Amino acid sequence: MRPLSTEEKAQSKAAKQRANKQLQAKRRKIGARIRDVKGDPVVLQMEGGSITLNYEMFRRFIRSLKNRQWNMSLDTSTGSPTLIITHHINLWGKDRGYVELYDLPPYQKELLTDLPVIEIERN
């Protein structure tokens, strides 16, 4: 996974700051527990659709899979996009698993505009 360019980081940071200001105002107004946007939010686009998530966390997770073979797919059948990453050491071993990364919550996603779009090709 490539790191974000300086333009993409700046774009993501600006969108995150705008969203967090609006979330802070909403928290004061209704007094609800609403979480701020964390990390570097981006839109990951694959051939099956797109998902909005924290790229910093996603990239850190992919780096933790070194020495493993992995494949990812995007599942949109449930209505909310889910990125599914399957990983294994070899085809015949029992050391395998999968991880599901979910889309950002709708209250955060609606406030995040002008996010950088990262295109991912399937392995």
N, C-alpha and C. Protein backbone atom coordinates (compact mmCIF):
# COMPACT_ATOMS: atom_id res chain seq x y z
N MET A 1 0.85 -1.18 0.00
CA MET A 1 0.00 0.00 0.00
C MET A 1 0.89 1.23 0.00
N ARG A 2 0.53 2.13 -0.83
CA ARG A 2 1.32 3.35 -0.92
C ARG A 2 0.89 4.36 0.14
N PRO A 3 1.81 5.19 0.59
CA PRO A 3 1.41 6.25 1.52
C PRO A 3 0.64 7.34 0.77
N LEU A 4 -0.12 8.12 1.51
CA LEU A 4 -0.86 9.22 0.89
C LEU A 4 0.11 10.31 0.46
N SER A 5 -0.18 10.95 -0.66
CA SER A 5 0.65 12.07 -1.11
C SER A 5 0.35 13.27 -0.21
N THR A 6 1.18 14.30 -0.31
CA THR A 6 0.97 15.49 0.53
C THR A 6 -0.34 16.17 0.19
N GLU A 7 -0.73 16.16 -1.09
CA GLU A 7 -2.02 16.75 -1.48
C GLU A 7 -3.18 15.98 -0.88
N GLU A 8 -3.10 14.65 -0.95
CA GLU A 8 -4.17 13.81 -0.41
C GLU A 8 -4.26 13.96 1.11
N LYS A 9 -3.11 14.03 1.78
CA LYS A 9 -3.12 14.22 3.24
C LYS A 9 -3.76 15.55 3.61
N ALA A 10 -3.39 16.61 2.89
CA ALA A 10 -3.96 17.94 3.16
C ALA A 10 -5.46 17.95 2.91
N GLN A 11 -5.89 17.31 1.84
CA GLN A 11 -7.32 17.24 1.51
C GLN A 11 -8.08 16.47 2.59
N SER A 12 -7.52 15.36 3.03
CA SER A 12 -8.14 14.55 4.07
C SER A 12 -8.20 15.30 5.39
N LYS A 13 -7.12 15.98 5.73
CA LYS A 13 -7.05 16.73 7.00
C LYS A 13 -8.07 17.87 7.01
N ALA A 14 -8.20 18.58 5.89
CA ALA A 14 -9.17 19.68 5.81
C ALA A 14 -10.59 19.16 5.96
N ALA A 15 -10.91 18.05 5.29
CA ALA A 15 -12.25 17.47 5.39
C ALA A 15 -12.53 17.01 6.82
N LYS A 16 -11.53 16.40 7.46
CA LYS A 16 -11.69 15.92 8.83
C LYS A 16 -11.91 17.09 9.80
N GLN A 17 -11.17 18.18 9.63
CA GLN A 17 -11.34 19.33 10.50
C GLN A 17 -12.72 19.96 10.35
N ARG A 18 -13.20 20.08 9.10
CA ARG A 18 -14.56 20.62 8.89
C ARG A 18 -15.61 19.74 9.54
N ALA A 19 -15.47 18.43 9.37
CA ALA A 19 -16.45 17.50 9.94
C ALA A 19 -16.41 17.54 11.46
N ASN A 20 -15.23 17.58 12.05
CA ASN A 20 -15.13 17.59 13.51
C ASN A 20 -15.69 18.87 14.12
N LYS A 21 -15.55 20.01 13.43
CA LYS A 21 -16.15 21.25 13.91
C LYS A 21 -17.68 21.13 13.94
N GLN A 22 -18.24 20.54 12.87
CA GLN A 22 -19.69 20.37 12.81
C GLN A 22 -20.16 19.35 13.85
N LEU A 23 -19.38 18.30 14.08
CA LEU A 23 -19.75 17.31 15.10
C LEU A 23 -19.68 17.91 16.50
N GLN A 24 -18.71 18.77 16.74
CA GLN A 24 -18.59 19.43 18.04
C GLN A 24 -19.80 20.33 18.29
N ALA A 25 -20.23 21.06 17.28
CA ALA A 25 -21.42 21.91 17.41
C ALA A 25 -22.65 21.07 17.67
N LYS A 26 -22.76 19.93 17.00
CA LYS A 26 -23.89 19.02 17.19
C LYS A 26 -23.90 18.46 18.61
N ARG A 27 -22.71 18.11 19.11
CA ARG A 27 -22.61 17.58 20.49
C ARG A 27 -23.09 18.60 21.50
N ARG A 28 -22.68 19.84 21.31
CA ARG A 28 -23.10 20.90 22.24
C ARG A 28 -24.60 21.13 22.18
N LYS A 29 -25.14 21.05 20.98
CA LYS A 29 -26.56 21.34 20.78
C LYS A 29 -27.46 20.26 21.38
N ILE A 30 -27.17 18.99 21.10
CA ILE A 30 -28.06 17.93 21.56
C ILE A 30 -27.50 17.15 22.75
N GLY A 31 -26.23 17.36 23.06
CA GLY A 31 -25.65 16.69 24.22
C GLY A 31 -25.44 15.20 24.06
N ALA A 32 -25.45 14.72 22.84
CA ALA A 32 -25.28 13.29 22.61
C ALA A 32 -23.80 12.93 22.52
N ARG A 33 -23.52 11.66 22.70
CA ARG A 33 -22.15 11.17 22.58
C ARG A 33 -21.88 10.84 21.11
N ILE A 34 -21.22 11.76 20.45
CA ILE A 34 -20.88 11.59 19.04
C ILE A 34 -19.36 11.63 18.95
N ARG A 35 -18.79 10.63 18.31
CA ARG A 35 -17.33 10.54 18.20
C ARG A 35 -16.80 11.38 17.05
N ASP A 36 -15.59 11.92 17.26
CA ASP A 36 -14.91 12.67 16.21
C ASP A 36 -14.35 11.73 15.16
N VAL A 37 -14.05 12.28 14.00
CA VAL A 37 -13.40 11.54 12.93
C VAL A 37 -11.92 11.43 13.27
N LYS A 38 -11.35 10.24 13.18
CA LYS A 38 -9.95 10.00 13.52
C LYS A 38 -9.16 9.63 12.27
N GLY A 39 -7.84 9.79 12.34
CA GLY A 39 -6.94 9.34 11.28
C GLY A 39 -7.07 10.14 10.01
N ASP A 40 -6.80 9.49 8.90
CA ASP A 40 -6.87 10.10 7.58
C ASP A 40 -8.01 9.47 6.79
N PRO A 41 -9.22 10.04 6.83
CA PRO A 41 -10.33 9.44 6.09
C PRO A 41 -10.14 9.61 4.59
N VAL A 42 -10.39 8.53 3.86
CA VAL A 42 -10.32 8.53 2.40
C VAL A 42 -11.45 7.65 1.85
N VAL A 43 -11.67 7.76 0.56
CA VAL A 43 -12.61 6.88 -0.12
C VAL A 43 -11.78 5.86 -0.89
N LEU A 44 -11.87 4.58 -0.51
CA LEU A 44 -11.20 3.51 -1.24
C LEU A 44 -12.15 3.02 -2.31
N GLN A 45 -11.68 3.00 -3.53
CA GLN A 45 -12.55 2.60 -4.62
C GLN A 45 -11.99 1.32 -5.25
N MET A 46 -12.84 0.32 -5.33
CA MET A 46 -12.48 -0.94 -5.97
C MET A 46 -13.47 -1.15 -7.11
N GLU A 47 -13.27 -2.22 -7.87
CA GLU A 47 -14.14 -2.46 -9.02
C GLU A 47 -15.59 -2.70 -8.62
N GLY A 48 -15.84 -3.14 -7.38
CA GLY A 48 -17.20 -3.43 -6.95
C GLY A 48 -17.91 -2.26 -6.30
N GLY A 49 -17.21 -1.18 -6.00
CA GLY A 49 -17.82 -0.05 -5.32
C GLY A 49 -16.79 0.73 -4.55
N SER A 50 -17.24 1.45 -3.51
CA SER A 50 -16.31 2.26 -2.72
C SER A 50 -16.69 2.19 -1.25
N ILE A 51 -15.71 2.48 -0.40
CA ILE A 51 -15.89 2.47 1.05
C ILE A 51 -15.08 3.64 1.62
N THR A 52 -15.62 4.29 2.62
CA THR A 52 -14.94 5.39 3.29
C THR A 52 -14.39 4.86 4.61
N LEU A 53 -13.07 4.98 4.79
CA LEU A 53 -12.47 4.51 6.03
C LEU A 53 -11.18 5.25 6.34
N ASN A 54 -10.63 4.94 7.52
CA ASN A 54 -9.41 5.56 8.00
C ASN A 54 -8.23 4.88 7.29
N TYR A 55 -7.58 5.60 6.37
CA TYR A 55 -6.50 5.02 5.57
C TYR A 55 -5.28 4.68 6.42
N GLU A 56 -5.03 5.49 7.42
CA GLU A 56 -3.91 5.25 8.33
C GLU A 56 -4.04 3.89 9.01
N MET A 57 -5.21 3.59 9.53
CA MET A 57 -5.46 2.31 10.19
C MET A 57 -5.41 1.16 9.18
N PHE A 58 -6.00 1.37 8.01
CA PHE A 58 -6.03 0.35 6.97
C PHE A 58 -4.60 0.00 6.52
N ARG A 59 -3.79 1.00 6.28
CA ARG A 59 -2.42 0.78 5.83
C ARG A 59 -1.60 0.08 6.90
N ARG A 60 -1.79 0.46 8.16
CA ARG A 60 -1.08 -0.19 9.28
C ARG A 60 -1.45 -1.67 9.35
N PHE A 61 -2.72 -1.98 9.15
CA PHE A 61 -3.15 -3.38 9.19
C PHE A 61 -2.53 -4.17 8.04
N ILE A 62 -2.53 -3.62 6.83
CA ILE A 62 -1.96 -4.32 5.68
C ILE A 62 -0.46 -4.57 5.90
N ARG A 63 0.24 -3.62 6.48
CA ARG A 63 1.67 -3.82 6.76
C ARG A 63 1.88 -4.93 7.79
N SER A 64 0.92 -5.15 8.69
CA SER A 64 1.06 -6.21 9.69
C SER A 64 0.91 -7.59 9.08
N LEU A 65 0.45 -7.67 7.85
CA LEU A 65 0.27 -8.95 7.16
C LEU A 65 1.49 -9.36 6.35
N LYS A 66 2.67 -8.80 6.67
CA LYS A 66 3.85 -9.18 5.91
C LYS A 66 4.12 -10.67 6.09
N ASN A 67 4.73 -11.28 5.11
CA ASN A 67 5.00 -12.72 5.06
C ASN A 67 3.72 -13.55 4.96
N ARG A 68 2.62 -12.92 4.64
CA ARG A 68 1.36 -13.63 4.45
C ARG A 68 0.81 -13.26 3.08
N GLN A 69 0.04 -14.16 2.52
CA GLN A 69 -0.66 -13.86 1.27
C GLN A 69 -2.04 -13.35 1.65
N TRP A 70 -2.50 -12.32 1.00
CA TRP A 70 -3.80 -11.76 1.32
C TRP A 70 -4.52 -11.31 0.06
N ASN A 71 -5.83 -11.25 0.19
CA ASN A 71 -6.69 -10.82 -0.90
C ASN A 71 -7.83 -10.02 -0.29
N MET A 72 -8.29 -9.01 -0.99
CA MET A 72 -9.40 -8.23 -0.44
C MET A 72 -10.51 -8.11 -1.46
N SER A 73 -11.72 -8.01 -0.91
CA SER A 73 -12.90 -7.84 -1.73
C SER A 73 -13.86 -6.90 -1.01
N LEU A 74 -14.73 -6.29 -1.75
CA LEU A 74 -15.69 -5.35 -1.20
C LEU A 74 -17.08 -5.96 -1.28
N ASP A 75 -17.74 -6.07 -0.13
CA ASP A 75 -19.08 -6.64 -0.06
C ASP A 75 -20.08 -5.52 0.19
N THR A 76 -21.00 -5.34 -0.72
CA THR A 76 -22.02 -4.30 -0.57
C THR A 76 -23.42 -4.89 -0.44
N SER A 77 -23.52 -6.19 -0.22
CA SER A 77 -24.83 -6.85 -0.19
C SER A 77 -25.65 -6.48 1.05
N THR A 78 -25.01 -6.04 2.13
CA THR A 78 -25.74 -5.72 3.36
C THR A 78 -26.24 -4.28 3.38
N GLY A 79 -25.93 -3.50 2.35
CA GLY A 79 -26.35 -2.11 2.33
C GLY A 79 -25.20 -1.19 2.69
N SER A 80 -24.46 -1.54 3.72
CA SER A 80 -23.28 -0.77 4.11
C SER A 80 -22.04 -1.50 3.60
N PRO A 81 -21.15 -0.82 2.90
CA PRO A 81 -19.98 -1.50 2.35
C PRO A 81 -19.07 -2.08 3.44
N THR A 82 -18.54 -3.26 3.17
CA THR A 82 -17.61 -3.94 4.07
C THR A 82 -16.43 -4.43 3.25
N LEU A 83 -15.23 -4.08 3.69
CA LEU A 83 -14.01 -4.54 3.04
C LEU A 83 -13.57 -5.81 3.73
N ILE A 84 -13.49 -6.91 2.99
CA ILE A 84 -13.14 -8.21 3.56
C ILE A 84 -11.73 -8.57 3.09
N ILE A 85 -10.84 -8.80 4.05
CA ILE A 85 -9.45 -9.16 3.75
C ILE A 85 -9.23 -10.58 4.26
N THR A 86 -8.94 -11.50 3.35
CA THR A 86 -8.62 -12.88 3.73
C THR A 86 -7.11 -13.03 3.65
N HIS A 87 -6.54 -13.79 4.62
CA HIS A 87 -5.09 -13.94 4.65
C HIS A 87 -4.72 -15.36 5.06
N HIS A 88 -3.56 -15.82 4.57
CA HIS A 88 -3.04 -17.13 4.93
C HIS A 88 -1.54 -17.18 4.64
N ILE A 89 -0.87 -18.15 5.27
CA ILE A 89 0.57 -18.32 5.02
C ILE A 89 0.77 -19.22 3.81
N ASN A 90 0.12 -20.37 3.78
CA ASN A 90 0.16 -21.22 2.60
C ASN A 90 -1.23 -21.82 2.39
N LEU A 91 -1.45 -22.36 1.23
CA LEU A 91 -2.79 -22.84 0.88
C LEU A 91 -3.24 -24.04 1.70
N TRP A 92 -2.30 -24.87 2.18
CA TRP A 92 -2.68 -26.10 2.86
C TRP A 92 -2.63 -25.99 4.38
N GLY A 93 -2.12 -24.90 4.90
CA GLY A 93 -2.03 -24.74 6.35
C GLY A 93 -3.33 -24.28 6.97
N LYS A 94 -3.39 -24.42 8.27
CA LYS A 94 -4.59 -24.00 8.99
C LYS A 94 -4.48 -22.56 9.50
N ASP A 95 -3.33 -21.95 9.29
CA ASP A 95 -3.12 -20.58 9.76
C ASP A 95 -3.68 -19.60 8.73
N ARG A 96 -4.96 -19.35 8.84
CA ARG A 96 -5.64 -18.47 7.91
C ARG A 96 -6.74 -17.72 8.66
N GLY A 97 -7.24 -16.69 8.05
CA GLY A 97 -8.32 -15.94 8.67
C GLY A 97 -8.85 -14.86 7.76
N TYR A 98 -9.77 -14.08 8.29
CA TYR A 98 -10.28 -12.95 7.53
C TYR A 98 -10.64 -11.83 8.49
N VAL A 99 -10.63 -10.63 7.96
CA VAL A 99 -10.92 -9.42 8.72
C VAL A 99 -11.94 -8.62 7.93
N GLU A 100 -12.90 -8.06 8.64
CA GLU A 100 -13.90 -7.20 8.00
C GLU A 100 -13.70 -5.77 8.48
N LEU A 101 -13.54 -4.85 7.56
CA LEU A 101 -13.44 -3.43 7.88
C LEU A 101 -14.72 -2.76 7.40
N TYR A 102 -15.39 -2.07 8.31
CA TYR A 102 -16.68 -1.47 7.99
C TYR A 102 -16.53 0.00 7.61
N ASP A 103 -17.52 0.48 6.90
CA ASP A 103 -17.61 1.87 6.49
C ASP A 103 -17.69 2.77 7.72
N LEU A 104 -17.29 4.03 7.59
CA LEU A 104 -17.44 4.98 8.68
C LEU A 104 -18.93 5.14 9.01
N PRO A 105 -19.26 5.53 10.24
CA PRO A 105 -20.67 5.73 10.59
C PRO A 105 -21.32 6.80 9.70
N PRO A 106 -22.61 6.66 9.44
CA PRO A 106 -23.29 7.61 8.55
C PRO A 106 -23.22 9.07 9.02
N TYR A 107 -23.25 9.31 10.34
CA TYR A 107 -23.20 10.70 10.82
C TYR A 107 -21.84 11.33 10.53
N GLN A 108 -20.78 10.54 10.42
CA GLN A 108 -19.47 11.07 10.04
C GLN A 108 -19.36 11.20 8.53
N LYS A 109 -19.86 10.20 7.85
CA LYS A 109 -19.73 10.13 6.40
C LYS A 109 -20.45 11.28 5.71
N GLU A 110 -21.60 11.67 6.24
CA GLU A 110 -22.36 12.75 5.60
C GLU A 110 -21.67 14.10 5.73
N LEU A 111 -20.81 14.26 6.74
CA LEU A 111 -20.10 15.52 6.94
C LEU A 111 -18.77 15.58 6.20
N LEU A 112 -18.25 14.43 5.80
CA LEU A 112 -16.96 14.39 5.11
C LEU A 112 -17.16 14.60 3.62
N THR A 113 -16.74 15.75 3.13
CA THR A 113 -16.85 16.05 1.71
C THR A 113 -15.46 16.30 1.16
N ASP A 114 -15.31 16.14 -0.13
CA ASP A 114 -14.04 16.38 -0.82
C ASP A 114 -12.90 15.51 -0.31
N LEU A 115 -13.20 14.24 -0.04
CA LEU A 115 -12.16 13.31 0.40
C LEU A 115 -11.35 12.82 -0.80
N PRO A 116 -10.06 12.53 -0.61
CA PRO A 116 -9.29 11.94 -1.70
C PRO A 116 -9.79 10.54 -2.02
N VAL A 117 -9.76 10.19 -3.29
CA VAL A 117 -10.21 8.86 -3.73
C VAL A 117 -8.97 8.05 -4.09
N ILE A 118 -8.82 6.89 -3.42
CA ILE A 118 -7.70 5.98 -3.65
C ILE A 118 -8.26 4.76 -4.38
N GLU A 119 -7.73 4.50 -5.57
CA GLU A 119 -8.18 3.33 -6.33
C GLU A 119 -7.31 2.14 -5.99
N ILE A 120 -7.95 1.02 -5.68
CA ILE A 120 -7.25 -0.21 -5.31
C ILE A 120 -7.58 -1.27 -6.35
N GLU A 121 -6.54 -1.92 -6.83
CA GLU A 121 -6.74 -3.03 -7.75
C GLU A 121 -6.66 -4.32 -6.97
N ARG A 122 -7.44 -5.30 -7.35
CA ARG A 122 -7.41 -6.60 -6.65
C ARG A 122 -6.11 -7.30 -6.93
N ASN A 123 -5.61 -8.05 -5.93
CA ASN A 123 -4.37 -8.82 -6.13
C ASN A 123 -4.68 -9.98 -7.04
